[in-house]
Full PDB file with SEQRES, HELIX, SHEET, SSBOND, CRYST1, ORIGX, SCALE, CONECT and MASTER records, all heavy atoms in Angstrom:
SEQRES   1 A   40  ALA ALA ARG GLU ALA ARG VAL PHE GLY THR ASP THR GLY          
SEQRES   2 A   40  SER GLU THR LEU ASP ALA THR GLY VAL ALA VAL GLU GLU          
SEQRES   3 A   40  ALA GLY GLY ASP TRP HIS GLY GLU VAL ALA ASP ALA GLY          
SEQRES   4 A   40  SER                                                          
HELIX    1 AA1 SER A   14  GLU A   26  1                                  13    
SHEET    1 AA1 2 ARG A   6  ASP A  11  0                                        
SHEET    2 AA1 2 ASP A  30  VAL A  35  1                                        
CRYST1    1.000    1.000    1.000  90.00  90.00  90.00 P 1           1          
ORIGX1      1.000000  0.000000  0.000000        0.00000                         
ORIGX2      0.000000  1.000000  0.000000        0.00000                         
ORIGX3      0.000000  0.000000  1.000000        0.00000                         
SCALE1      1.000000  0.000000  0.000000        0.00000                         
SCALE2      0.000000  1.000000  0.000000        0.00000                         
SCALE3      0.000000  0.000000  1.000000        0.00000                         
ATOM      1  N   ALA A   1      11.918  -9.172   7.991  1.00  0.00           N  
ATOM      2  CA  ALA A   1      11.567 -10.054   9.099  1.00  0.00           C  
ATOM      3  C   ALA A   1      12.383 -11.335   9.061  1.00  0.00           C  
ATOM      4  O   ALA A   1      12.688 -11.918  10.113  1.00  0.00           O  
ATOM      5  CB  ALA A   1      10.080 -10.381   9.052  1.00  0.00           C  
ATOM      6  N   ALA A   2      12.754 -11.778   7.870  1.00  0.00           N  
ATOM      7  CA  ALA A   2      13.603 -12.969   7.746  1.00  0.00           C  
ATOM      8  C   ALA A   2      14.974 -12.741   8.380  1.00  0.00           C  
ATOM      9  O   ALA A   2      15.688 -13.698   8.674  1.00  0.00           O  
ATOM     10  CB  ALA A   2      13.757 -13.351   6.275  1.00  0.00           C  
ATOM     11  N   ARG A   3      15.330 -11.471   8.606  1.00  0.00           N  
ATOM     12  CA  ARG A   3      16.565 -11.115   9.304  1.00  0.00           C  
ATOM     13  C   ARG A   3      16.295 -10.797  10.774  1.00  0.00           C  
ATOM     14  O   ARG A   3      17.116 -10.186  11.442  1.00  0.00           O  
ATOM     15  CB  ARG A   3      17.212  -9.900   8.640  1.00  0.00           C  
ATOM     16  CG  ARG A   3      17.478 -10.069   7.148  1.00  0.00           C  
ATOM     17  CD  ARG A   3      17.923  -8.738   6.576  1.00  0.00           C  
ATOM     18  NE  ARG A   3      18.165  -8.840   5.138  1.00  0.00           N  
ATOM     19  CZ  ARG A   3      19.165  -8.261   4.511  1.00  0.00           C  
ATOM     20  NH1 ARG A   3      20.027  -7.523   5.192  1.00  0.00           N  
ATOM     21  NH2 ARG A   3      19.322  -8.388   3.219  1.00  0.00           N  
ATOM     22  N   GLU A   4      15.112 -11.196  11.240  1.00  0.00           N  
ATOM     23  CA  GLU A   4      14.685 -10.954  12.619  1.00  0.00           C  
ATOM     24  C   GLU A   4      14.566  -9.462  12.926  1.00  0.00           C  
ATOM     25  O   GLU A   4      14.827  -9.014  14.042  1.00  0.00           O  
ATOM     26  CB  GLU A   4      15.615 -11.637  13.626  1.00  0.00           C  
ATOM     27  CG  GLU A   4      15.690 -13.145  13.439  1.00  0.00           C  
ATOM     28  CD  GLU A   4      16.570 -13.814  14.478  1.00  0.00           C  
ATOM     29  OE1 GLU A   4      17.460 -13.138  15.034  1.00  0.00           O  
ATOM     30  OE2 GLU A   4      16.355 -15.005  14.736  1.00  0.00           O  
ATOM     31  N   ALA A   5      14.148  -8.693  11.922  1.00  0.00           N  
ATOM     32  CA  ALA A   5      13.999  -7.252  12.110  1.00  0.00           C  
ATOM     33  C   ALA A   5      12.843  -6.943  13.048  1.00  0.00           C  
ATOM     34  O   ALA A   5      11.876  -7.699  13.178  1.00  0.00           O  
ATOM     35  CB  ALA A   5      13.763  -6.575  10.764  1.00  0.00           C  
ATOM     36  N   ARG A   6      12.960  -5.798  13.692  1.00  0.00           N  
ATOM     37  CA  ARG A   6      11.856  -5.220  14.448  1.00  0.00           C  
ATOM     38  C   ARG A   6      11.214  -4.193  13.526  1.00  0.00           C  
ATOM     39  O   ARG A   6      11.823  -3.173  13.212  1.00  0.00           O  
ATOM     40  CB  ARG A   6      12.383  -4.573  15.725  1.00  0.00           C  
ATOM     41  CG  ARG A   6      12.907  -5.578  16.744  1.00  0.00           C  
ATOM     42  CD  ARG A   6      13.747  -4.925  17.815  1.00  0.00           C  
ATOM     43  NE  ARG A   6      15.088  -4.593  17.320  1.00  0.00           N  
ATOM     44  CZ  ARG A   6      16.005  -3.955  18.051  1.00  0.00           C  
ATOM     45  NH1 ARG A   6      15.712  -3.542  19.271  1.00  0.00           N  
ATOM     46  NH2 ARG A   6      17.201  -3.715  17.545  1.00  0.00           N  
ATOM     47  N   VAL A   7      10.012  -4.479  13.082  1.00  0.00           N  
ATOM     48  CA  VAL A   7       9.370  -3.689  12.029  1.00  0.00           C  
ATOM     49  C   VAL A   7       8.225  -2.864  12.606  1.00  0.00           C  
ATOM     50  O   VAL A   7       7.308  -3.394  13.229  1.00  0.00           O  
ATOM     51  CB  VAL A   7       8.842  -4.590  10.900  1.00  0.00           C  
ATOM     52  CG1 VAL A   7       8.205  -3.735   9.801  1.00  0.00           C  
ATOM     53  CG2 VAL A   7       9.953  -5.469  10.332  1.00  0.00           C  
ATOM     54  N   PHE A   8       8.309  -1.574  12.379  1.00  0.00           N  
ATOM     55  CA  PHE A   8       7.248  -0.629  12.741  1.00  0.00           C  
ATOM     56  C   PHE A   8       6.593  -0.232  11.417  1.00  0.00           C  
ATOM     57  O   PHE A   8       7.180   0.483  10.620  1.00  0.00           O  
ATOM     58  CB  PHE A   8       7.870   0.585  13.425  1.00  0.00           C  
ATOM     59  CG  PHE A   8       6.899   1.530  14.086  1.00  0.00           C  
ATOM     60  CD1 PHE A   8       7.051   1.875  15.423  1.00  0.00           C  
ATOM     61  CD2 PHE A   8       5.849   2.106  13.384  1.00  0.00           C  
ATOM     62  CE1 PHE A   8       6.186   2.753  16.051  1.00  0.00           C  
ATOM     63  CE2 PHE A   8       4.979   2.980  13.994  1.00  0.00           C  
ATOM     64  CZ  PHE A   8       5.148   3.312  15.334  1.00  0.00           C  
ATOM     65  N   GLY A   9       5.378  -0.735  11.182  1.00  0.00           N  
ATOM     66  CA  GLY A   9       4.714  -0.483   9.911  1.00  0.00           C  
ATOM     67  C   GLY A   9       3.563   0.488  10.049  1.00  0.00           C  
ATOM     68  O   GLY A   9       2.822   0.458  11.044  1.00  0.00           O  
ATOM     69  N   THR A  10       3.418   1.356   9.067  1.00  0.00           N  
ATOM     70  CA  THR A  10       2.296   2.295   9.069  1.00  0.00           C  
ATOM     71  C   THR A  10       1.544   2.213   7.755  1.00  0.00           C  
ATOM     72  O   THR A  10       2.104   1.860   6.711  1.00  0.00           O  
ATOM     73  CB  THR A  10       2.755   3.757   9.276  1.00  0.00           C  
ATOM     74  OG1 THR A  10       3.283   4.273   8.048  1.00  0.00           O  
ATOM     75  CG2 THR A  10       3.814   3.849  10.361  1.00  0.00           C  
ATOM     76  N   ASP A  11       0.270   2.512   7.809  1.00  0.00           N  
ATOM     77  CA  ASP A  11      -0.571   2.610   6.615  1.00  0.00           C  
ATOM     78  C   ASP A  11      -1.870   3.269   7.051  1.00  0.00           C  
ATOM     79  O   ASP A  11      -2.068   3.563   8.239  1.00  0.00           O  
ATOM     80  CB  ASP A  11      -0.818   1.235   5.981  1.00  0.00           C  
ATOM     81  CG  ASP A  11      -0.939   1.323   4.462  1.00  0.00           C  
ATOM     82  OD1 ASP A  11      -1.597   2.273   3.967  1.00  0.00           O  
ATOM     83  OD2 ASP A  11      -0.380   0.467   3.755  1.00  0.00           O  
ATOM     84  N   THR A  12      -2.780   3.458   6.114  1.00  0.00           N  
ATOM     85  CA  THR A  12      -4.019   4.167   6.428  1.00  0.00           C  
ATOM     86  C   THR A  12      -5.144   3.248   6.879  1.00  0.00           C  
ATOM     87  O   THR A  12      -6.203   3.726   7.256  1.00  0.00           O  
ATOM     88  CB  THR A  12      -4.497   4.974   5.206  1.00  0.00           C  
ATOM     89  OG1 THR A  12      -4.602   4.097   4.080  1.00  0.00           O  
ATOM     90  CG2 THR A  12      -3.519   6.089   4.888  1.00  0.00           C  
ATOM     91  N   GLY A  13      -4.923   1.930   6.818  1.00  0.00           N  
ATOM     92  CA  GLY A  13      -5.968   0.993   7.238  1.00  0.00           C  
ATOM     93  C   GLY A  13      -5.440  -0.066   8.178  1.00  0.00           C  
ATOM     94  O   GLY A  13      -4.373  -0.631   7.961  1.00  0.00           O  
ATOM     95  N   SER A  14      -6.195  -0.348   9.240  1.00  0.00           N  
ATOM     96  CA  SER A  14      -5.732  -1.316  10.236  1.00  0.00           C  
ATOM     97  C   SER A  14      -5.797  -2.752   9.737  1.00  0.00           C  
ATOM     98  O   SER A  14      -4.962  -3.582  10.115  1.00  0.00           O  
ATOM     99  CB  SER A  14      -6.570  -1.175  11.518  1.00  0.00           C  
ATOM    100  OG  SER A  14      -7.942  -1.382  11.249  1.00  0.00           O  
ATOM    101  N   GLU A  15      -6.761  -3.081   8.879  1.00  0.00           N  
ATOM    102  CA  GLU A  15      -6.888  -4.467   8.412  1.00  0.00           C  
ATOM    103  C   GLU A  15      -5.682  -4.890   7.591  1.00  0.00           C  
ATOM    104  O   GLU A  15      -5.157  -6.001   7.773  1.00  0.00           O  
ATOM    105  CB  GLU A  15      -8.177  -4.634   7.599  1.00  0.00           C  
ATOM    106  CG  GLU A  15      -9.443  -4.578   8.442  1.00  0.00           C  
ATOM    107  CD  GLU A  15     -10.678  -4.872   7.630  1.00  0.00           C  
ATOM    108  OE1 GLU A  15     -10.532  -5.319   6.466  1.00  0.00           O  
ATOM    109  OE2 GLU A  15     -11.790  -4.676   8.151  1.00  0.00           O  
ATOM    110  N   THR A  16      -5.243  -4.036   6.689  1.00  0.00           N  
ATOM    111  CA  THR A  16      -4.075  -4.394   5.876  1.00  0.00           C  
ATOM    112  C   THR A  16      -2.817  -4.455   6.732  1.00  0.00           C  
ATOM    113  O   THR A  16      -1.951  -5.316   6.521  1.00  0.00           O  
ATOM    114  CB  THR A  16      -3.881  -3.388   4.733  1.00  0.00           C  
ATOM    115  OG1 THR A  16      -3.766  -2.055   5.270  1.00  0.00           O  
ATOM    116  CG2 THR A  16      -5.037  -3.435   3.753  1.00  0.00           C  
ATOM    117  N   LEU A  17      -2.717  -3.562   7.706  1.00  0.00           N  
ATOM    118  CA  LEU A  17      -1.570  -3.598   8.609  1.00  0.00           C  
ATOM    119  C   LEU A  17      -1.559  -4.887   9.421  1.00  0.00           C  
ATOM    120  O   LEU A  17      -0.505  -5.500   9.628  1.00  0.00           O  
ATOM    121  CB  LEU A  17      -1.597  -2.402   9.557  1.00  0.00           C  
ATOM    122  CG  LEU A  17      -1.054  -1.086   9.021  1.00  0.00           C  
ATOM    123  CD1 LEU A  17      -1.240   0.011  10.065  1.00  0.00           C  
ATOM    124  CD2 LEU A  17       0.410  -1.187   8.640  1.00  0.00           C  
ATOM    125  N   ASP A  18      -2.721  -5.314   9.879  1.00  0.00           N  
ATOM    126  CA  ASP A  18      -2.801  -6.555  10.652  1.00  0.00           C  
ATOM    127  C   ASP A  18      -2.334  -7.741   9.816  1.00  0.00           C  
ATOM    128  O   ASP A  18      -1.626  -8.630  10.325  1.00  0.00           O  
ATOM    129  CB  ASP A  18      -4.235  -6.789  11.142  1.00  0.00           C  
ATOM    130  CG  ASP A  18      -4.655  -5.807  12.234  1.00  0.00           C  
ATOM    131  OD1 ASP A  18      -3.762  -5.149  12.808  1.00  0.00           O  
ATOM    132  OD2 ASP A  18      -5.864  -5.695  12.482  1.00  0.00           O  
ATOM    133  N   ALA A  19      -2.710  -7.764   8.540  1.00  0.00           N  
ATOM    134  CA  ALA A  19      -2.297  -8.860   7.662  1.00  0.00           C  
ATOM    135  C   ALA A  19      -0.783  -8.861   7.476  1.00  0.00           C  
ATOM    136  O   ALA A  19      -0.140  -9.918   7.474  1.00  0.00           O  
ATOM    137  CB  ALA A  19      -3.000  -8.740   6.322  1.00  0.00           C  
ATOM    138  N   THR A  20      -0.200  -7.680   7.329  1.00  0.00           N  
ATOM    139  CA  THR A  20       1.254  -7.600   7.224  1.00  0.00           C  
ATOM    140  C   THR A  20       1.909  -8.051   8.522  1.00  0.00           C  
ATOM    141  O   THR A  20       2.933  -8.755   8.508  1.00  0.00           O  
ATOM    142  CB  THR A  20       1.696  -6.161   6.888  1.00  0.00           C  
ATOM    143  OG1 THR A  20       1.129  -5.766   5.637  1.00  0.00           O  
ATOM    144  CG2 THR A  20       3.219  -6.058   6.802  1.00  0.00           C  
ATOM    145  N   GLY A  21       1.327  -7.670   9.650  1.00  0.00           N  
ATOM    146  CA  GLY A  21       1.865  -8.073  10.940  1.00  0.00           C  
ATOM    147  C   GLY A  21       1.935  -9.577  11.091  1.00  0.00           C  
ATOM    148  O   GLY A  21       2.936 -10.123  11.592  1.00  0.00           O  
ATOM    149  N   VAL A  22       0.903 -10.277  10.657  1.00  0.00           N  
ATOM    150  CA  VAL A  22       0.901 -11.741  10.708  1.00  0.00           C  
ATOM    151  C   VAL A  22       2.033 -12.298   9.856  1.00  0.00           C  
ATOM    152  O   VAL A  22       2.780 -13.197  10.276  1.00  0.00           O  
ATOM    153  CB  VAL A  22      -0.463 -12.294  10.245  1.00  0.00           C  
ATOM    154  CG1 VAL A  22      -0.396 -13.806  10.085  1.00  0.00           C  
ATOM    155  CG2 VAL A  22      -1.561 -11.908  11.221  1.00  0.00           C  
ATOM    156  N   ALA A  23       2.192 -11.763   8.645  1.00  0.00           N  
ATOM    157  CA  ALA A  23       3.244 -12.239   7.743  1.00  0.00           C  
ATOM    158  C   ALA A  23       4.636 -11.976   8.310  1.00  0.00           C  
ATOM    159  O   ALA A  23       5.542 -12.810   8.180  1.00  0.00           O  
ATOM    160  CB  ALA A  23       3.094 -11.568   6.370  1.00  0.00           C  
ATOM    161  N   VAL A  24       4.811 -10.815   8.927  1.00  0.00           N  
ATOM    162  CA  VAL A  24       6.108 -10.465   9.516  1.00  0.00           C  
ATOM    163  C   VAL A  24       6.460 -11.427  10.649  1.00  0.00           C  
ATOM    164  O   VAL A  24       7.580 -11.949  10.730  1.00  0.00           O  
ATOM    165  CB  VAL A  24       6.101  -9.006  10.024  1.00  0.00           C  
ATOM    166  CG1 VAL A  24       7.269  -8.735  10.967  1.00  0.00           C  
ATOM    167  CG2 VAL A  24       6.155  -8.034   8.843  1.00  0.00           C  
ATOM    168  N   GLU A  25       5.497 -11.686  11.524  1.00  0.00           N  
ATOM    169  CA  GLU A  25       5.766 -12.566  12.667  1.00  0.00           C  
ATOM    170  C   GLU A  25       6.000 -14.007  12.215  1.00  0.00           C  
ATOM    171  O   GLU A  25       6.845 -14.712  12.778  1.00  0.00           O  
ATOM    172  CB  GLU A  25       4.619 -12.459  13.668  1.00  0.00           C  
ATOM    173  CG  GLU A  25       4.615 -11.092  14.363  1.00  0.00           C  
ATOM    174  CD  GLU A  25       3.411 -10.883  15.264  1.00  0.00           C  
ATOM    175  OE1 GLU A  25       2.484 -11.731  15.244  1.00  0.00           O  
ATOM    176  OE2 GLU A  25       3.397  -9.866  16.004  1.00  0.00           O  
ATOM    177  N   GLU A  26       5.282 -14.440  11.178  1.00  0.00           N  
ATOM    178  CA  GLU A  26       5.505 -15.783  10.651  1.00  0.00           C  
ATOM    179  C   GLU A  26       6.897 -15.914  10.035  1.00  0.00           C  
ATOM    180  O   GLU A  26       7.487 -17.001  10.036  1.00  0.00           O  
ATOM    181  CB  GLU A  26       4.441 -16.120   9.604  1.00  0.00           C  
ATOM    182  CG  GLU A  26       3.063 -16.389  10.191  1.00  0.00           C  
ATOM    183  CD  GLU A  26       2.021 -16.662   9.134  1.00  0.00           C  
ATOM    184  OE1 GLU A  26       2.309 -16.432   7.936  1.00  0.00           O  
ATOM    185  OE2 GLU A  26       0.907 -17.112   9.494  1.00  0.00           O  
ATOM    186  N   ALA A  27       7.431 -14.804   9.519  1.00  0.00           N  
ATOM    187  CA  ALA A  27       8.755 -14.823   8.889  1.00  0.00           C  
ATOM    188  C   ALA A  27       9.885 -14.676   9.899  1.00  0.00           C  
ATOM    189  O   ALA A  27      11.062 -14.740   9.534  1.00  0.00           O  
ATOM    190  CB  ALA A  27       8.851 -13.719   7.835  1.00  0.00           C  
ATOM    191  N   GLY A  28       9.553 -14.433  11.170  1.00  0.00           N  
ATOM    192  CA  GLY A  28      10.586 -14.373  12.201  1.00  0.00           C  
ATOM    193  C   GLY A  28      10.888 -12.994  12.747  1.00  0.00           C  
ATOM    194  O   GLY A  28      11.849 -12.818  13.503  1.00  0.00           O  
ATOM    195  N   GLY A  29      10.086 -11.991  12.384  1.00  0.00           N  
ATOM    196  CA  GLY A  29      10.328 -10.636  12.867  1.00  0.00           C  
ATOM    197  C   GLY A  29       9.386 -10.240  13.980  1.00  0.00           C  
ATOM    198  O   GLY A  29       8.420 -10.941  14.279  1.00  0.00           O  
ATOM    199  N   ASP A  30       9.685  -9.115  14.603  1.00  0.00           N  
ATOM    200  CA  ASP A  30       8.785  -8.499  15.580  1.00  0.00           C  
ATOM    201  C   ASP A  30       7.999  -7.406  14.862  1.00  0.00           C  
ATOM    202  O   ASP A  30       8.535  -6.711  13.987  1.00  0.00           O  
ATOM    203  CB  ASP A  30       9.577  -7.885  16.735  1.00  0.00           C  
ATOM    204  CG  ASP A  30      10.254  -8.941  17.595  1.00  0.00           C  
ATOM    205  OD1 ASP A  30       9.754 -10.080  17.622  1.00  0.00           O  
ATOM    206  OD2 ASP A  30      11.279  -8.621  18.222  1.00  0.00           O  
ATOM    207  N   TRP A  31       6.762  -7.205  15.258  1.00  0.00           N  
ATOM    208  CA  TRP A  31       5.882  -6.284  14.534  1.00  0.00           C  
ATOM    209  C   TRP A  31       5.197  -5.306  15.466  1.00  0.00           C  
ATOM    210  O   TRP A  31       4.743  -5.659  16.556  1.00  0.00           O  
ATOM    211  CB  TRP A  31       4.818  -7.083  13.780  1.00  0.00           C  
ATOM    212  CG  TRP A  31       3.724  -6.236  13.188  1.00  0.00           C  
ATOM    213  CD1 TRP A  31       2.460  -6.070  13.670  1.00  0.00           C  
ATOM    214  CD2 TRP A  31       3.802  -5.425  12.011  1.00  0.00           C  
ATOM    215  NE1 TRP A  31       1.739  -5.219  12.857  1.00  0.00           N  
ATOM    216  CE2 TRP A  31       2.542  -4.810  11.831  1.00  0.00           C  
ATOM    217  CE3 TRP A  31       4.814  -5.160  11.091  1.00  0.00           C  
ATOM    218  CZ2 TRP A  31       2.265  -3.953  10.776  1.00  0.00           C  
ATOM    219  CZ3 TRP A  31       4.543  -4.301  10.032  1.00  0.00           C  
ATOM    220  CH2 TRP A  31       3.282  -3.710   9.877  1.00  0.00           C  
ATOM    221  N   HIS A  32       5.133  -4.072  14.994  1.00  0.00           N  
ATOM    222  CA  HIS A  32       4.296  -3.052  15.612  1.00  0.00           C  
ATOM    223  C   HIS A  32       3.677  -2.244  14.484  1.00  0.00           C  
ATOM    224  O   HIS A  32       4.391  -1.720  13.621  1.00  0.00           O  
ATOM    225  CB  HIS A  32       5.116  -2.129  16.509  1.00  0.00           C  
ATOM    226  CG  HIS A  32       4.303  -1.013  17.095  1.00  0.00           C  
ATOM    227  ND1 HIS A  32       3.518  -1.170  18.220  1.00  0.00           N  
ATOM    228  CD2 HIS A  32       4.125   0.282  16.693  1.00  0.00           C  
ATOM    229  CE1 HIS A  32       2.895  -0.039  18.489  1.00  0.00           C  
ATOM    230  NE2 HIS A  32       3.246   0.857  17.586  1.00  0.00           N  
ATOM    231  N   GLY A  33       2.364  -2.159  14.449  1.00  0.00           N  
ATOM    232  CA  GLY A  33       1.688  -1.413  13.405  1.00  0.00           C  
ATOM    233  C   GLY A  33       0.891  -0.252  13.962  1.00  0.00           C  
ATOM    234  O   GLY A  33       0.294  -0.369  15.033  1.00  0.00           O  
ATOM    235  N   GLU A  34       0.899   0.851  13.240  1.00  0.00           N  
ATOM    236  CA  GLU A  34       0.091   2.005  13.618  1.00  0.00           C  
ATOM    237  C   GLU A  34      -0.530   2.630  12.379  1.00  0.00           C  
ATOM    238  O   GLU A  34       0.149   2.795  11.356  1.00  0.00           O  
ATOM    239  CB  GLU A  34       0.942   3.068  14.335  1.00  0.00           C  
ATOM    240  CG  GLU A  34       1.285   2.728  15.772  1.00  0.00           C  
ATOM    241  CD  GLU A  34       1.824   3.929  16.550  1.00  0.00           C  
ATOM    242  OE1 GLU A  34       1.551   5.082  16.127  1.00  0.00           O  
ATOM    243  OE2 GLU A  34       2.509   3.705  17.558  1.00  0.00           O  
ATOM    244  N   VAL A  35      -1.809   2.960  12.485  1.00  0.00           N  
ATOM    245  CA  VAL A  35      -2.482   3.675  11.395  1.00  0.00           C  
ATOM    246  C   VAL A  35      -1.959   5.105  11.375  1.00  0.00           C  
ATOM    247  O   VAL A  35      -1.944   5.793  12.399  1.00  0.00           O  
ATOM    248  CB  VAL A  35      -4.006   3.658  11.595  1.00  0.00           C  
ATOM    249  CG1 VAL A  35      -4.694   4.545  10.559  1.00  0.00           C  
ATOM    250  CG2 VAL A  35      -4.534   2.228  11.512  1.00  0.00           C  
ATOM    251  N   ALA A  36      -1.499   5.533  10.208  1.00  0.00           N  
ATOM    252  CA  ALA A  36      -0.966   6.892  10.068  1.00  0.00           C  
ATOM    253  C   ALA A  36      -1.059   7.308   8.609  1.00  0.00           C  
ATOM    254  O   ALA A  36      -1.012   6.479   7.698  1.00  0.00           O  
ATOM    255  CB  ALA A  36       0.484   6.964  10.538  1.00  0.00           C  
ATOM    256  N   ASP A  37      -1.186   8.596   8.394  1.00  0.00           N  
ATOM    257  CA  ASP A  37      -1.233   9.190   7.057  1.00  0.00           C  
ATOM    258  C   ASP A  37       0.140   9.763   6.747  1.00  0.00           C  
ATOM    259  O   ASP A  37       0.605  10.687   7.427  1.00  0.00           O  
ATOM    260  CB  ASP A  37      -2.298  10.291   7.030  1.00  0.00           C  
ATOM    261  CG  ASP A  37      -2.385  11.004   5.703  1.00  0.00           C  
ATOM    262  OD1 ASP A  37      -1.620  10.669   4.769  1.00  0.00           O  
ATOM    263  OD2 ASP A  37      -3.228  11.921   5.590  1.00  0.00           O  
ATOM    264  N   ALA A  38       0.810   9.217   5.729  1.00  0.00           N  
ATOM    265  CA  ALA A  38       2.158   9.681   5.386  1.00  0.00           C  
ATOM    266  C   ALA A  38       2.175  11.152   4.999  1.00  0.00           C  
ATOM    267  O   ALA A  38       3.222  11.803   5.085  1.00  0.00           O  
ATOM    268  CB  ALA A  38       2.731   8.842   4.243  1.00  0.00           C  
ATOM    269  N   GLY A  39       1.037  11.694   4.594  1.00  0.00           N  
ATOM    270  CA  GLY A  39       0.980  13.097   4.216  1.00  0.00           C  
ATOM    271  C   GLY A  39       0.650  14.035   5.354  1.00  0.00           C  
ATOM    272  O   GLY A  39       0.431  15.234   5.123  1.00  0.00           O  
ATOM    273  N   SER A  40       0.625  13.526   6.579  1.00  0.00           N  
ATOM    274  CA  SER A  40       0.272  14.343   7.743  1.00  0.00           C  
ATOM    275  C   SER A  40       1.499  14.622   8.597  1.00  0.00           C  
ATOM    276  O   SER A  40       2.108  13.695   9.142  1.00  0.00           O  
ATOM    277  CB  SER A  40      -0.788  13.613   8.592  1.00  0.00           C  
ATOM    278  OG  SER A  40      -0.903  14.207   9.873  1.00  0.00           O  
TER     279      SER A  40                                                      
MASTER        0    0    0    1    2    0    0    6  278    1    0    4          
END                                                                             
């Protein structure tokens, strides 16, 4: 995000993803999060 990346983040819980989204946007990146199971 410090490089102004557009970050699409996935994980199994929305709360942790939301926290990462806040950190990404504060660092200068764009954020999109989706709940997903990497094993699916």
